[in-house]
PDB file of N, CA and C in Angstrom:
ATOM      1  N   MET A   1     -88.652  37.651  39.253  1.00  0.00           N
ATOM      2  CA  MET A   1     -87.379  37.465  40.232  1.00  0.00           C
ATOM      3  C   MET A   1     -86.211  38.286  39.471  1.00  0.00           C
ATOM      4  N   ALA A   2     -85.511  38.945  40.020  1.00  0.00           N
ATOM      5  CA  ALA A   2     -84.317  39.774  39.661  1.00  0.00           C
ATOM      6  C   ALA A   2     -83.065  38.872  39.172  1.00  0.00           C
ATOM      7  N   SER A   3     -82.688  39.558  38.097  1.00  0.00           N
ATOM      8  CA  SER A   3     -81.504  38.617  37.366  1.00  0.00           C
ATOM      9  C   SER A   3     -80.134  39.132  37.987  1.00  0.00           C
ATOM     10  N   THR A   4     -79.496  38.199  38.006  1.00  0.00           N
ATOM     11  CA  THR A   4     -78.060  38.227  38.986  1.00  0.00           C
ATOM     12  C   THR A   4     -76.958  38.322  38.030  1.00  0.00           C
ATOM     13  N   SER A   5     -75.745  39.217  38.307  1.00  0.00           N
ATOM     14  CA  SER A   5     -74.421  39.012  37.500  1.00  0.00           C
ATOM     15  C   SER A   5     -73.282  38.524  38.357  1.00  0.00           C
ATOM     16  N   THR A   6     -72.743  37.735  37.600  1.00  0.00           N
ATOM     17  CA  THR A   6     -71.683  37.034  38.454  1.00  0.00           C
ATOM     18  C   THR A   6     -70.357  37.376  37.714  1.00  0.00           C
ATOM     19  N   TRP A   7     -69.276  37.745  38.361  1.00  0.00           N
ATOM     20  CA  TRP A   7     -67.995  37.754  37.485  1.00  0.00           C
ATOM     21  C   TRP A   7     -67.153  36.690  37.869  1.00  0.00           C
ATOM     22  N   TYR A   8     -66.522  36.132  36.671  1.00  0.00           N
ATOM     23  CA  TYR A   8     -65.819  34.753  37.066  1.00  0.00           C
ATOM     24  C   TYR A   8     -64.367  35.254  36.291  1.00  0.00           C
ATOM     25  N   LYS A   9     -63.607  34.379  36.794  1.00  0.00           N
ATOM     26  CA  LYS A   9     -61.910  34.617  36.743  1.00  0.00           C
ATOM     27  C   LYS A   9     -61.637  33.495  35.591  1.00  0.00           C
ATOM     28  N   ILE A  10     -61.527  33.927  34.375  1.00  0.00           N
ATOM     29  CA  ILE A  10     -61.155  32.787  33.631  1.00  0.00           C
ATOM     30  C   ILE A  10     -59.808  32.998  32.926  1.00  0.00           C
ATOM     31  N   ALA A  11     -58.740  33.622  33.624  1.00  0.00           N
ATOM     32  CA  ALA A  11     -57.204  33.421  33.353  1.00  0.00           C
ATOM     33  C   ALA A  11     -56.521  34.608  34.399  1.00  0.00           C
ATOM     34  N   ALA A  12     -55.045  34.367  34.839  1.00  0.00           N
ATOM     35  CA  ALA A  12     -54.477  34.901  35.571  1.00  0.00           C
ATOM     36  C   ALA A  12     -54.125  36.534  34.856  1.00  0.00           C
ATOM     37  N   SER A  13     -53.899  36.287  33.333  1.00  0.00           N
ATOM     38  CA  SER A  13     -53.593  37.365  32.613  1.00  0.00           C
ATOM     39  C   SER A  13     -54.037  36.782  31.338  1.00  0.00           C
ATOM     40  N   ILE A  14     -54.009  38.073  30.231  1.00  0.00           N
ATOM     41  CA  ILE A  14     -54.485  38.092  29.301  1.00  0.00           C
ATOM     42  C   ILE A  14     -53.458  36.971  28.313  1.00  0.00           C
ATOM     43  N   SER A  15     -52.082  36.872  28.496  1.00  0.00           N
ATOM     44  CA  SER A  15     -51.540  36.042  27.864  1.00  0.00           C
ATOM     45  C   SER A  15     -51.741  34.328  28.248  1.00  0.00           C
ATOM     46  N   GLU A  16     -52.422  34.269  29.213  1.00  0.00           N
ATOM     47  CA  GLU A  16     -52.750  32.720  29.409  1.00  0.00           C
ATOM     48  C   GLU A  16     -53.845  32.347  28.453  1.00  0.00           C
ATOM     49  N   ILE A  17     -54.633  33.230  27.894  1.00  0.00           N
ATOM     50  CA  ILE A  17     -55.869  32.906  27.051  1.00  0.00           C
ATOM     51  C   ILE A  17     -55.125  32.542  25.705  1.00  0.00           C
ATOM     52  N   SER A  18     -55.373  31.269  25.177  1.00  0.00           N
ATOM     53  CA  SER A  18     -55.113  30.556  23.797  1.00  0.00           C
ATOM     54  C   SER A  18     -55.797  30.972  22.656  1.00  0.00           C
ATOM     55  N   PHE A  19     -55.158  32.311  22.355  1.00  0.00           N
ATOM     56  CA  PHE A  19     -55.955  33.101  21.077  1.00  0.00           C
ATOM     57  C   PHE A  19     -55.488  32.130  19.898  1.00  0.00           C
ATOM     58  N   ASN A  20     -56.278  32.270  18.788  1.00  0.00           N
ATOM     59  CA  ASN A  20     -55.808  31.580  17.394  1.00  0.00           C
ATOM     60  C   ASN A  20     -55.060  32.803  16.802  1.00  0.00           C
ATOM     61  N   ALA A  21     -54.771  32.435  15.586  1.00  0.00           N
ATOM     62  CA  ALA A  21     -54.036  33.102  14.739  1.00  0.00           C
ATOM     63  C   ALA A  21     -55.131  34.272  14.511  1.00  0.00           C
ATOM     64  N   ASN A  22     -56.067  34.403  14.297  1.00  0.00           N
ATOM     65  CA  ASN A  22     -57.255  35.179  14.143  1.00  0.00           C
ATOM     66  C   ASN A  22     -57.612  36.216  15.450  1.00  0.00           C
ATOM     67  N   GLY A  23     -56.823  36.026  16.507  1.00  0.00           N
ATOM     68  CA  GLY A  23     -57.189  36.661  17.774  1.00  0.00           C
ATOM     69  C   GLY A  23     -58.672  36.308  18.294  1.00  0.00           C
ATOM     70  N   LEU A  24     -58.961  35.142  18.441  1.00  0.00           N
ATOM     71  CA  LEU A  24     -60.208  34.557  18.864  1.00  0.00           C
ATOM     72  C   LEU A  24     -60.005  33.298  19.599  1.00  0.00           C
ATOM     73  N   ALA A  25     -60.826  33.110  20.656  1.00  0.00           N
ATOM     74  CA  ALA A  25     -60.520  31.885  21.802  1.00  0.00           C
ATOM     75  C   ALA A  25     -62.071  31.692  22.040  1.00  0.00           C
ATOM     76  N   GLU A  26     -61.945  30.569  22.604  1.00  0.00           N
ATOM     77  CA  GLU A  26     -63.272  29.694  23.247  1.00  0.00           C
ATOM     78  C   GLU A  26     -63.030  29.491  24.681  1.00  0.00           C
ATOM     79  N   ILE A  27     -63.815  29.932  25.753  1.00  0.00           N
ATOM     80  CA  ILE A  27     -63.807  29.394  26.863  1.00  0.00           C
ATOM     81  C   ILE A  27     -65.128  28.685  27.296  1.00  0.00           C
ATOM     82  N   ASP A  28     -64.725  27.923  28.526  1.00  0.00           N
ATOM     83  CA  ASP A  28     -66.269  27.379  29.336  1.00  0.00           C
ATOM     84  C   ASP A  28     -66.363  28.072  30.159  1.00  0.00           C
ATOM     85  N   ILE A  29     -67.294  28.581  30.530  1.00  0.00           N
ATOM     86  CA  ILE A  29     -68.147  29.325  31.933  1.00  0.00           C
ATOM     87  C   ILE A  29     -69.282  28.432  32.300  1.00  0.00           C
ATOM     88  N   ASN A  30     -68.826  27.591  33.665  1.00  0.00           N
ATOM     89  CA  ASN A  30     -70.124  26.729  34.146  1.00  0.00           C
ATOM     90  C   ASN A  30     -70.922  25.996  32.890  1.00  0.00           C
ATOM     91  N   GLY A  31     -70.227  25.326  31.644  1.00  0.00           N
ATOM     92  CA  GLY A  31     -71.044  24.489  30.948  1.00  0.00           C
ATOM     93  C   GLY A  31     -71.219  25.325  29.559  1.00  0.00           C
ATOM     94  N   LYS A  32     -70.896  26.551  29.750  1.00  0.00           N
ATOM     95  CA  LYS A  32     -71.440  27.309  28.413  1.00  0.00           C
ATOM     96  C   LYS A  32     -70.234  27.945  27.765  1.00  0.00           C
ATOM     97  N   THR A  33     -70.190  27.785  26.616  1.00  0.00           N
ATOM     98  CA  THR A  33     -69.007  28.219  25.658  1.00  0.00           C
ATOM     99  C   THR A  33     -69.084  29.655  25.344  1.00  0.00           C
ATOM    100  N   VAL A  34     -68.083  30.679  25.481  1.00  0.00           N
ATOM    101  CA  VAL A  34     -68.054  31.834  25.267  1.00  0.00           C
ATOM    102  C   VAL A  34     -66.853  32.191  24.293  1.00  0.00           C
ATOM    103  N   CYS A  35     -66.964  33.074  23.248  1.00  0.00           N
ATOM    104  CA  CYS A  35     -65.951  33.416  22.395  1.00  0.00           C
ATOM    105  C   CYS A  35     -65.335  34.822  22.955  1.00  0.00           C
ATOM    106  N   ILE A  36     -63.982  34.842  23.034  1.00  0.00           N
ATOM    107  CA  ILE A  36     -63.204  35.654  23.396  1.00  0.00           C
ATOM    108  C   ILE A  36     -62.378  36.381  22.298  1.00  0.00           C
ATOM    109  N   ALA A  37     -62.423  37.735  22.166  1.00  0.00           N
ATOM    110  CA  ALA A  37     -61.748  38.060  21.105  1.00  0.00           C
ATOM    111  C   ALA A  37     -60.795  39.349  21.407  1.00  0.00           C
ATOM    112  N   LYS A  38     -59.700  39.117  20.902  1.00  0.00           N
ATOM    113  CA  LYS A  38     -58.500  40.119  21.276  1.00  0.00           C
ATOM    114  C   LYS A  38     -58.039  40.937  19.973  1.00  0.00           C
ATOM    115  N   ASN A  39     -58.439  42.370  20.330  1.00  0.00           N
ATOM    116  CA  ASN A  39     -58.233  43.183  18.931  1.00  0.00           C
ATOM    117  C   ASN A  39     -57.439  44.608  19.349  1.00  0.00           C
ATOM    118  N   ASN A  40     -56.521  45.006  18.770  1.00  0.00           N
ATOM    119  CA  ASN A  40     -55.758  46.185  19.142  1.00  0.00           C
ATOM    120  C   ASN A  40     -55.562  46.126  20.729  1.00  0.00           C
ATOM    121  N   ASP A  41     -55.144  45.534  20.969  1.00  0.00           N
ATOM    122  CA  ASP A  41     -54.835  45.387  22.808  1.00  0.00           C
ATOM    123  C   ASP A  41     -56.144  45.223  23.527  1.00  0.00           C
ATOM    124  N   GLN A  42     -57.452  45.446  22.990  1.00  0.00           N
ATOM    125  CA  GLN A  42     -58.479  45.334  23.990  1.00  0.00           C
ATOM    126  C   GLN A  42     -59.080  43.661  23.769  1.00  0.00           C
ATOM    127  N   ILE A  43     -59.966  43.305  24.821  1.00  0.00           N
ATOM    128  CA  ILE A  43     -60.492  42.219  24.745  1.00  0.00           C
ATOM    129  C   ILE A  43     -62.144  42.345  24.906  1.00  0.00           C
ATOM    130  N   PHE A  44     -62.792  41.483  24.431  1.00  0.00           N
ATOM    131  CA  PHE A  44     -64.126  41.485  24.302  1.00  0.00           C
ATOM    132  C   PHE A  44     -64.584  39.911  24.496  1.00  0.00           C
ATOM    133  N   ALA A  45     -65.977  39.721  24.743  1.00  0.00           N
ATOM    134  CA  ALA A  45     -66.414  38.508  25.124  1.00  0.00           C
ATOM    135  C   ALA A  45     -67.937  38.468  24.488  1.00  0.00           C
ATOM    136  N   CYS A  46     -68.255  37.422  23.784  1.00  0.00           N
ATOM    137  CA  CYS A  46     -69.625  37.469  23.140  1.00  0.00           C
ATOM    138  C   CYS A  46     -70.033  35.876  23.148  1.00  0.00           C
ATOM    139  N   THR A  47     -71.301  35.752  22.907  1.00  0.00           N
ATOM    140  CA  THR A  47     -71.758  34.352  22.661  1.00  0.00           C
ATOM    141  C   THR A  47     -70.885  33.445  21.709  1.00  0.00           C
ATOM    142  N   GLN A  48     -70.863  32.006  21.731  1.00  0.00           N
ATOM    143  CA  GLN A  48     -70.218  31.272  20.796  1.00  0.00           C
ATOM    144  C   GLN A  48     -70.578  31.183  19.658  1.00  0.00           C
ATOM    145  N   LYS A  49     -71.915  30.809  19.655  1.00  0.00           N
ATOM    146  CA  LYS A  49     -72.546  30.716  18.158  1.00  0.00           C
ATOM    147  C   LYS A  49     -73.194  32.081  17.549  1.00  0.00           C
ATOM    148  N   CYS A  50     -73.142  31.915  16.220  1.00  0.00           N
ATOM    149  CA  CYS A  50     -73.788  33.110  15.256  1.00  0.00           C
ATOM    150  C   CYS A  50     -75.341  32.803  15.165  1.00  0.00           C
ATOM    151  N   PRO A  51     -75.882  34.166  15.816  1.00  0.00           N
ATOM    152  CA  PRO A  51     -77.285  33.796  15.647  1.00  0.00           C
ATOM    153  C   PRO A  51     -78.071  33.631  14.583  1.00  0.00           C
ATOM    154  N   HIS A  52     -77.734  33.572  13.528  1.00  0.00           N
ATOM    155  CA  HIS A  52     -78.074  33.091  12.145  1.00  0.00           C
ATOM    156  C   HIS A  52     -77.999  31.686  11.844  1.00  0.00           C
ATOM    157  N   ALA A  53     -77.133  31.257  11.879  1.00  0.00           N
ATOM    158  CA  ALA A  53     -76.977  29.604  11.604  1.00  0.00           C
ATOM    159  C   ALA A  53     -76.257  28.735  12.446  1.00  0.00           C
ATOM    160  N   GLY A  54     -75.974  29.363  13.659  1.00  0.00           N
ATOM    161  CA  GLY A  54     -75.020  28.350  14.848  1.00  0.00           C
ATOM    162  C   GLY A  54     -73.546  28.360  14.380  1.00  0.00           C
ATOM    163  N   ALA A  55     -72.914  28.936  13.479  1.00  0.00           N
ATOM    164  CA  ALA A  55     -71.650  28.597  13.208  1.00  0.00           C
ATOM    165  C   ALA A  55     -70.830  29.208  14.269  1.00  0.00           C
ATOM    166  N   LEU A  56     -69.463  28.604  14.620  1.00  0.00           N
ATOM    167  CA  LEU A  56     -68.950  28.841  15.883  1.00  0.00           C
ATOM    168  C   LEU A  56     -67.803  30.075  15.558  1.00  0.00           C
ATOM    169  N   LEU A  57     -68.315  30.744  16.382  1.00  0.00           N
ATOM    170  CA  LEU A  57     -67.658  32.365  16.222  1.00  0.00           C
ATOM    171  C   LEU A  57     -66.104  32.445  16.430  1.00  0.00           C
ATOM    172  N   SER A  58     -65.757  31.566  17.011  1.00  0.00           N
ATOM    173  CA  SER A  58     -64.154  31.370  17.223  1.00  0.00           C
ATOM    174  C   SER A  58     -63.285  30.902  15.996  1.00  0.00           C
ATOM    175  N   THR A  59     -63.999  30.470  15.097  1.00  0.00           N
ATOM    176  CA  THR A  59     -63.473  29.733  13.837  1.00  0.00           C
ATOM    177  C   THR A  59     -63.520  30.926  13.087  1.00  0.00           C
ATOM    178  N   GLY A  60     -64.104  32.074  13.315  1.00  0.00           N
ATOM    179  CA  GLY A  60     -64.272  33.443  12.271  1.00  0.00           C
ATOM    180  C   GLY A  60     -62.999  34.146  12.287  1.00  0.00           C
ATOM    181  N   HIS A  61     -63.121  35.448  11.929  1.00  0.00           N
ATOM    182  CA  HIS A  61     -61.790  36.386  12.165  1.00  0.00           C
ATOM    183  C   HIS A  61     -62.504  37.672  12.482  1.00  0.00           C
ATOM    184  N   ILE A  62     -61.300  38.572  12.855  1.00  0.00           N
ATOM    185  CA  ILE A  62     -61.495  39.992  12.997  1.00  0.00           C
ATOM    186  C   ILE A  62     -61.348  40.668  11.765  1.00  0.00           C
ATOM    187  N   ASP A  63     -62.101  41.616  11.071  1.00  0.00           N
ATOM    188  CA  ASP A  63     -61.847  42.250   9.943  1.00  0.00           C
ATOM    189  C   ASP A  63     -60.781  43.598  10.294  1.00  0.00           C
ATOM    190  N   ALA A  64     -60.628  44.176   9.266  1.00  0.00           N
ATOM    191  CA  ALA A  64     -59.881  45.597   9.226  1.00  0.00           C
ATOM    192  C   ALA A  64     -60.384  46.552  10.138  1.00  0.00           C
ATOM    193  N   LEU A  65     -61.929  46.494  10.418  1.00  0.00           N
ATOM    194  CA  LEU A  65     -62.421  47.539  11.155  1.00  0.00           C
ATOM    195  C   LEU A  65     -62.725  47.070  12.413  1.00  0.00           C
ATOM    196  N   GLY A  66     -62.283  45.984  12.587  1.00  0.00           N
ATOM    197  CA  GLY A  66     -62.388  45.314  14.283  1.00  0.00           C
ATOM    198  C   GLY A  66     -63.932  44.750  14.657  1.00  0.00           C
ATOM    199  N   ASN A  67     -64.359  44.288  13.377  1.00  0.00           N
ATOM    200  CA  ASN A  67     -65.794  43.423  13.511  1.00  0.00           C
ATOM    201  C   ASN A  67     -65.341  41.811  13.717  1.00  0.00           C
ATOM    202  N   LEU A  68     -66.152  41.407  14.402  1.00  0.00           N
ATOM    203  CA  LEU A  68     -66.157  39.768  14.387  1.00  0.00           C
ATOM    204  C   LEU A  68     -66.859  39.259  12.811  1.00  0.00           C
ATOM    205  N   VAL A  69     -66.254  38.375  12.324  1.00  0.00           N
ATOM    206  CA  VAL A  69     -66.807  37.854  11.162  1.00  0.00           C
ATOM    207  C   VAL A  69     -67.223  36.346  11.025  1.00  0.00           C
ATOM    208  N   CYS A  70     -68.373  36.240  11.129  1.00  0.00           N
ATOM    209  CA  CYS A  70     -68.763  34.727  10.959  1.00  0.00           C
ATOM    210  C   CYS A  70     -68.221  33.723  10.121  1.00  0.00           C
ATOM    211  N   PRO A  71     -67.864  32.701  10.267  1.00  0.00           N
ATOM    212  CA  PRO A  71     -67.248  31.834   9.063  1.00  0.00           C
ATOM    213  C   PRO A  71     -67.949  31.225   8.200  1.00  0.00           C
ATOM    214  N   LEU A  72     -69.345  30.978   8.750  1.00  0.00           N
ATOM    215  CA  LEU A  72     -70.252  30.550   7.518  1.00  0.00           C
ATOM    216  C   LEU A  72     -70.712  31.445   6.347  1.00  0.00           C
ATOM    217  N   HIS A  73     -71.571  32.691   7.018  1.00  0.00           N
ATOM    218  CA  HIS A  73     -71.762  33.496   5.945  1.00  0.00           C
ATOM    219  C   HIS A  73     -71.352  34.948   5.985  1.00  0.00           C
ATOM    220  N   LYS A  74     -70.364  35.043   6.430  1.00  0.00           N
ATOM    221  CA  LYS A  74     -69.648  36.115   6.674  1.00  0.00           C
ATOM    222  C   LYS A  74     -70.222  37.402   7.301  1.00  0.00           C
ATOM    223  N   TYR A  75     -71.373  37.010   8.104  1.00  0.00           N
ATOM    224  CA  TYR A  75     -72.064  38.288   8.885  1.00  0.00           C
ATOM    225  C   TYR A  75     -70.974  38.692   9.785  1.00  0.00           C
ATOM    226  N   LYS A  76     -71.115  40.330   9.781  1.00  0.00           N
ATOM    227  CA  LYS A  76     -70.198  40.909  10.808  1.00  0.00           C
ATOM    228  C   LYS A  76     -70.937  41.256  11.970  1.00  0.00           C
ATOM    229  N   PHE A  77     -70.430  41.211  13.120  1.00  0.00           N
ATOM    230  CA  PHE A  77     -70.747  41.748  14.247  1.00  0.00           C
ATOM    231  C   PHE A  77     -69.720  42.878  15.013  1.00  0.00           C
ATOM    232  N   SER A  78     -70.372  43.911  15.749  1.00  0.00           N
ATOM    233  CA  SER A  78     -69.373  44.715  16.298  1.00  0.00           C
ATOM    234  C   SER A  78     -69.125  44.167  17.603  1.00  0.00           C
ATOM    235  N   LEU A  79     -67.491  44.139  18.219  1.00  0.00           N
ATOM    236  CA  LEU A  79     -67.233  43.585  19.158  1.00  0.00           C
ATOM    237  C   LEU A  79     -67.681  44.212  20.489  1.00  0.00           C
ATOM    238  N   LYS A  80     -67.771  45.628  20.330  1.00  0.00           N
ATOM    239  CA  LYS A  80     -68.187  46.545  21.337  1.00  0.00           C
ATOM    240  C   LYS A  80     -69.645  46.117  21.755  1.00  0.00           C
ATOM    241  N   ASN A  81     -70.418  45.861  20.926  1.00  0.00           N
ATOM    242  CA  ASN A  81     -71.839  45.805  21.082  1.00  0.00           C
ATOM    243  C   ASN A  81     -72.880  44.897  20.837  1.00  0.00           C
ATOM    244  N   GLY A  82     -72.209  43.826  19.945  1.00  0.00           N
ATOM    245  CA  GLY A  82     -72.775  42.520  19.495  1.00  0.00           C
ATOM    246  C   GLY A  82     -73.678  42.870  18.252  1.00  0.00           C
ATOM    247  N   ARG A  83     -73.840  44.108  17.698  1.00  0.00           N
ATOM    248  CA  ARG A  83     -74.902  44.612  16.731  1.00  0.00           C
ATOM    249  C   ARG A  83     -74.305  44.364  15.213  1.00  0.00           C
ATOM    250  N   ASN A  84     -75.200  43.646  14.656  1.00  0.00           N
ATOM    251  CA  ASN A  84     -75.027  42.993  13.306  1.00  0.00           C
ATOM    252  C   ASN A  84     -74.703  44.439  12.310  1.00  0.00           C
ATOM    253  N   ILE A  85     -73.321  44.598  11.718  1.00  0.00           N
ATOM    254  CA  ILE A  85     -73.370  45.638  11.149  1.00  0.00           C
ATOM    255  C   ILE A  85     -73.403  45.414   9.596  1.00  0.00           C
ATOM    256  N   SER A  86     -73.767  44.250   8.955  1.00  0.00           N
ATOM    257  CA  SER A  86     -73.769  43.905   7.740  1.00  0.00           C
ATOM    258  C   SER A  86     -75.170  43.895   6.995  1.00  0.00           C
ATOM    259  N   GLY A  87     -75.930  44.399   8.185  1.00  0.00           N
ATOM    260  CA  GLY A  87     -77.227  44.754   7.507  1.00  0.00           C
ATOM    261  C   GLY A  87     -78.480  43.547   7.725  1.00  0.00           C
ATOM    262  N   GLU A  88     -77.833  42.356   8.298  1.00  0.00           N
ATOM    263  CA  GLU A  88     -79.088  41.458   8.415  1.00  0.00           C
ATOM    264  C   GLU A  88     -80.064  41.479   9.518  1.00  0.00           C
ATOM    265  N   GLY A  89     -79.581  42.211  10.684  1.00  0.00           N
ATOM    266  CA  GLY A  89     -80.749  42.432  11.680  1.00  0.00           C
ATOM    267  C   GLY A  89     -80.326  41.775  12.931  1.00  0.00           C
ATOM    268  N   TYR A  90     -79.236  40.689  12.758  1.00  0.00           N
ATOM    269  CA  TYR A  90     -78.962  39.928  14.215  1.00  0.00           C
ATOM    270  C   TYR A  90     -78.242  40.552  15.050  1.00  0.00           C
ATOM    271  N   TYR A  91     -78.045  40.144  16.078  1.00  0.00           N
ATOM    272  CA  TYR A  91     -76.955  40.805  17.211  1.00  0.00           C
ATOM    273  C   TYR A  91     -76.531  39.749  18.255  1.00  0.00           C
ATOM    274  N   LEU A  92     -75.257  39.859  18.603  1.00  0.00           N
ATOM    275  CA  LEU A  92     -74.741  38.925  19.404  1.00  0.00           C
ATOM    276  C   LEU A  92     -74.932  39.264  21.100  1.00  0.00           C
ATOM    277  N   LYS A  93     -75.113  38.294  21.981  1.00  0.00           N
ATOM    278  CA  LYS A  93     -75.192  38.927  23.290  1.00  0.00           C
ATOM    279  C   LYS A  93     -73.806  38.880  23.580  1.00  0.00           C
ATOM    280  N   THR A  94     -73.247  40.217  24.318  1.00  0.00           N
ATOM    281  CA  THR A  94     -71.985  40.408  24.688  1.00  0.00           C
ATOM    282  C   THR A  94     -71.478  40.263  26.288  1.00  0.00           C
ATOM    283  N   PHE A  95     -70.679  40.009  26.646  1.00  0.00           N
ATOM    284  CA  PHE A  95     -70.143  40.317  28.107  1.00  0.00           C
ATOM    285  C   PHE A  95     -69.228  41.202  28.463  1.00  0.00           C
ATOM    286  N   ALA A  96     -69.337  41.685  29.429  1.00  0.00           N
ATOM    287  CA  ALA A  96     -68.278  42.736  30.221  1.00  0.00           C
ATOM    288  C   ALA A  96     -66.964  41.633  30.335  1.00  0.00           C
ATOM    289  N   ILE A  97     -65.929  42.194  30.107  1.00  0.00           N
ATOM    290  CA  ILE A  97     -64.481  41.435  30.086  1.00  0.00           C
ATOM    291  C   ILE A  97     -63.592  42.353  30.578  1.00  0.00           C
ATOM    292  N   GLU A  98     -62.775  42.165  31.739  1.00  0.00           N
ATOM    293  CA  GLU A  98     -61.640  43.014  32.034  1.00  0.00           C
ATOM    294  C   GLU A  98     -60.494  42.390  32.753  1.00  0.00           C
ATOM    295  N   GLU A  99     -59.501  43.056  32.456  1.00  0.00           N
ATOM    296  CA  GLU A  99     -58.052  42.560  32.945  1.00  0.00           C
ATOM    297  C   GLU A  99     -57.989  43.690  33.964  1.00  0.00           C
ATOM    298  N   ARG A 100     -57.923  42.882  35.492  1.00  0.00           N
ATOM    299  CA  ARG A 100     -57.492  43.642  36.672  1.00  0.00           C
ATOM    300  C   ARG A 100     -56.669  43.071  37.542  1.00  0.00           C
ATOM    301  N   GLU A 101     -56.233  43.668  38.635  1.00  0.00           N
ATOM    302  CA  GLU A 101     -55.673  42.913  39.484  1.00  0.00           C
ATOM    303  C   GLU A 101     -56.194  41.763  39.810  1.00  0.00           C
ATOM    304  N   GLY A 102     -55.153  40.858  39.612  1.00  0.00           N
ATOM    305  CA  GLY A 102     -55.886  39.332  40.043  1.00  0.00           C
ATOM    306  C   GLY A 102     -56.513  38.348  38.806  1.00  0.00           C
ATOM    307  N   GLY A 103     -56.277  39.028  37.655  1.00  0.00           N
ATOM    308  CA  GLY A 103     -56.620  38.183  36.364  1.00  0.00           C
ATOM    309  C   GLY A 103     -57.592  38.559  35.617  1.00  0.00           C
ATOM    310  N   VAL A 104     -58.005  38.080  34.794  1.00  0.00           N
ATOM    311  CA  VAL A 104     -58.970  38.345  33.700  1.00  0.00           C
ATOM    312  C   VAL A 104     -60.446  37.801  33.857  1.00  0.00           C
ATOM    313  N   PHE A 105     -61.441  38.657  34.162  1.00  0.00           N
ATOM    314  CA  PHE A 105     -62.473  38.221  34.686  1.00  0.00           C
ATOM    315  C   PHE A 105     -63.840  38.591  33.687  1.00  0.00           C
ATOM    316  N   ILE A 106     -64.950  38.007  33.658  1.00  0.00           N
ATOM    317  CA  ILE A 106     -66.014  38.230  32.788  1.00  0.00           C
ATOM    318  C   ILE A 106     -67.401  37.916  33.403  1.00  0.00           C
ATOM    319  N   CYS A 107     -68.044  38.811  33.105  1.00  0.00           N
ATOM    320  CA  CYS A 107     -69.324  39.098  33.937  1.00  0.00           C
ATOM    321  C   CYS A 107     -70.491  38.409  33.147  1.00  0.00           C
ATOM    322  N   VAL A 108     -71.066  37.602  33.842  1.00  0.00           N
ATOM    323  CA  VAL A 108     -72.312  36.912  33.132  1.00  0.00           C
ATOM    324  C   VAL A 108     -73.518  37.025  34.057  1.00  0.00           C
ATOM    325  N   GLU A 109     -74.642  37.117  33.089  1.00  0.00           N
ATOM    326  CA  GLU A 109     -76.046  36.689  33.890  1.00  0.00           C
ATOM    327  C   GLU A 109     -76.401  35.554  34.243  1.00  0.00           C
ATOM    328  N   GLY A 110     -77.021  35.358  35.285  1.00  0.00           N
ATOM    329  CA  GLY A 110     -77.114  34.027  35.469  1.00  0.00           C
ATOM    330  C   GLY A 110     -78.934  33.910  36.051  1.00  0.00           C
ATOM    331  N   PRO A 111     -79.044  32.624  36.184  1.00  0.00           N
ATOM    332  CA  PRO A 111     -78.507  31.333  36.360  1.00  0.00           C
ATOM    333  C   PRO A 111     -78.174  30.423  34.599  1.00  0.00           C
ATOM    334  N   ALA A 112     -78.896  30.913  33.716  1.00  0.00           N
ATOM    335  CA  ALA A 112     -78.852  30.595  32.451  1.00  0.00           C
ATOM    336  C   ALA A 112     -78.624  31.435  31.566  1.00  0.00           C
ATOM    337  N   PHE A 113     -77.295  31.940  31.479  1.00  0.00           N
ATOM    338  CA  PHE A 113     -77.057  32.904  30.595  1.00  0.00           C
ATOM    339  C   PHE A 113     -77.029  32.152  29.322  1.00  0.00           C
TER     340      PHE A 113
END
């Protein structure tokens, strides 16, 4: 069975997304929660839970190098590709996200991303 991808509109503009002071937000797409990050005027999307111990990544922070830092054990992940850069070997599932005419859209593979 072939995998399908679907683009979902998550906001009319980036300014409508409620980022916390650390530049992170969470959104719900079809019952699944996704972490949205804003860093240097770019937006990124990844799974909400850390693959190591399940901490909510939207409660973490973005470090000076632009990596998402887990609030529990401080594991660091690249916002661009989800790879763990602190050496533990984990990775986050990332999603394409774009601001374009008509709003902010995120692409997820279905049905059970």
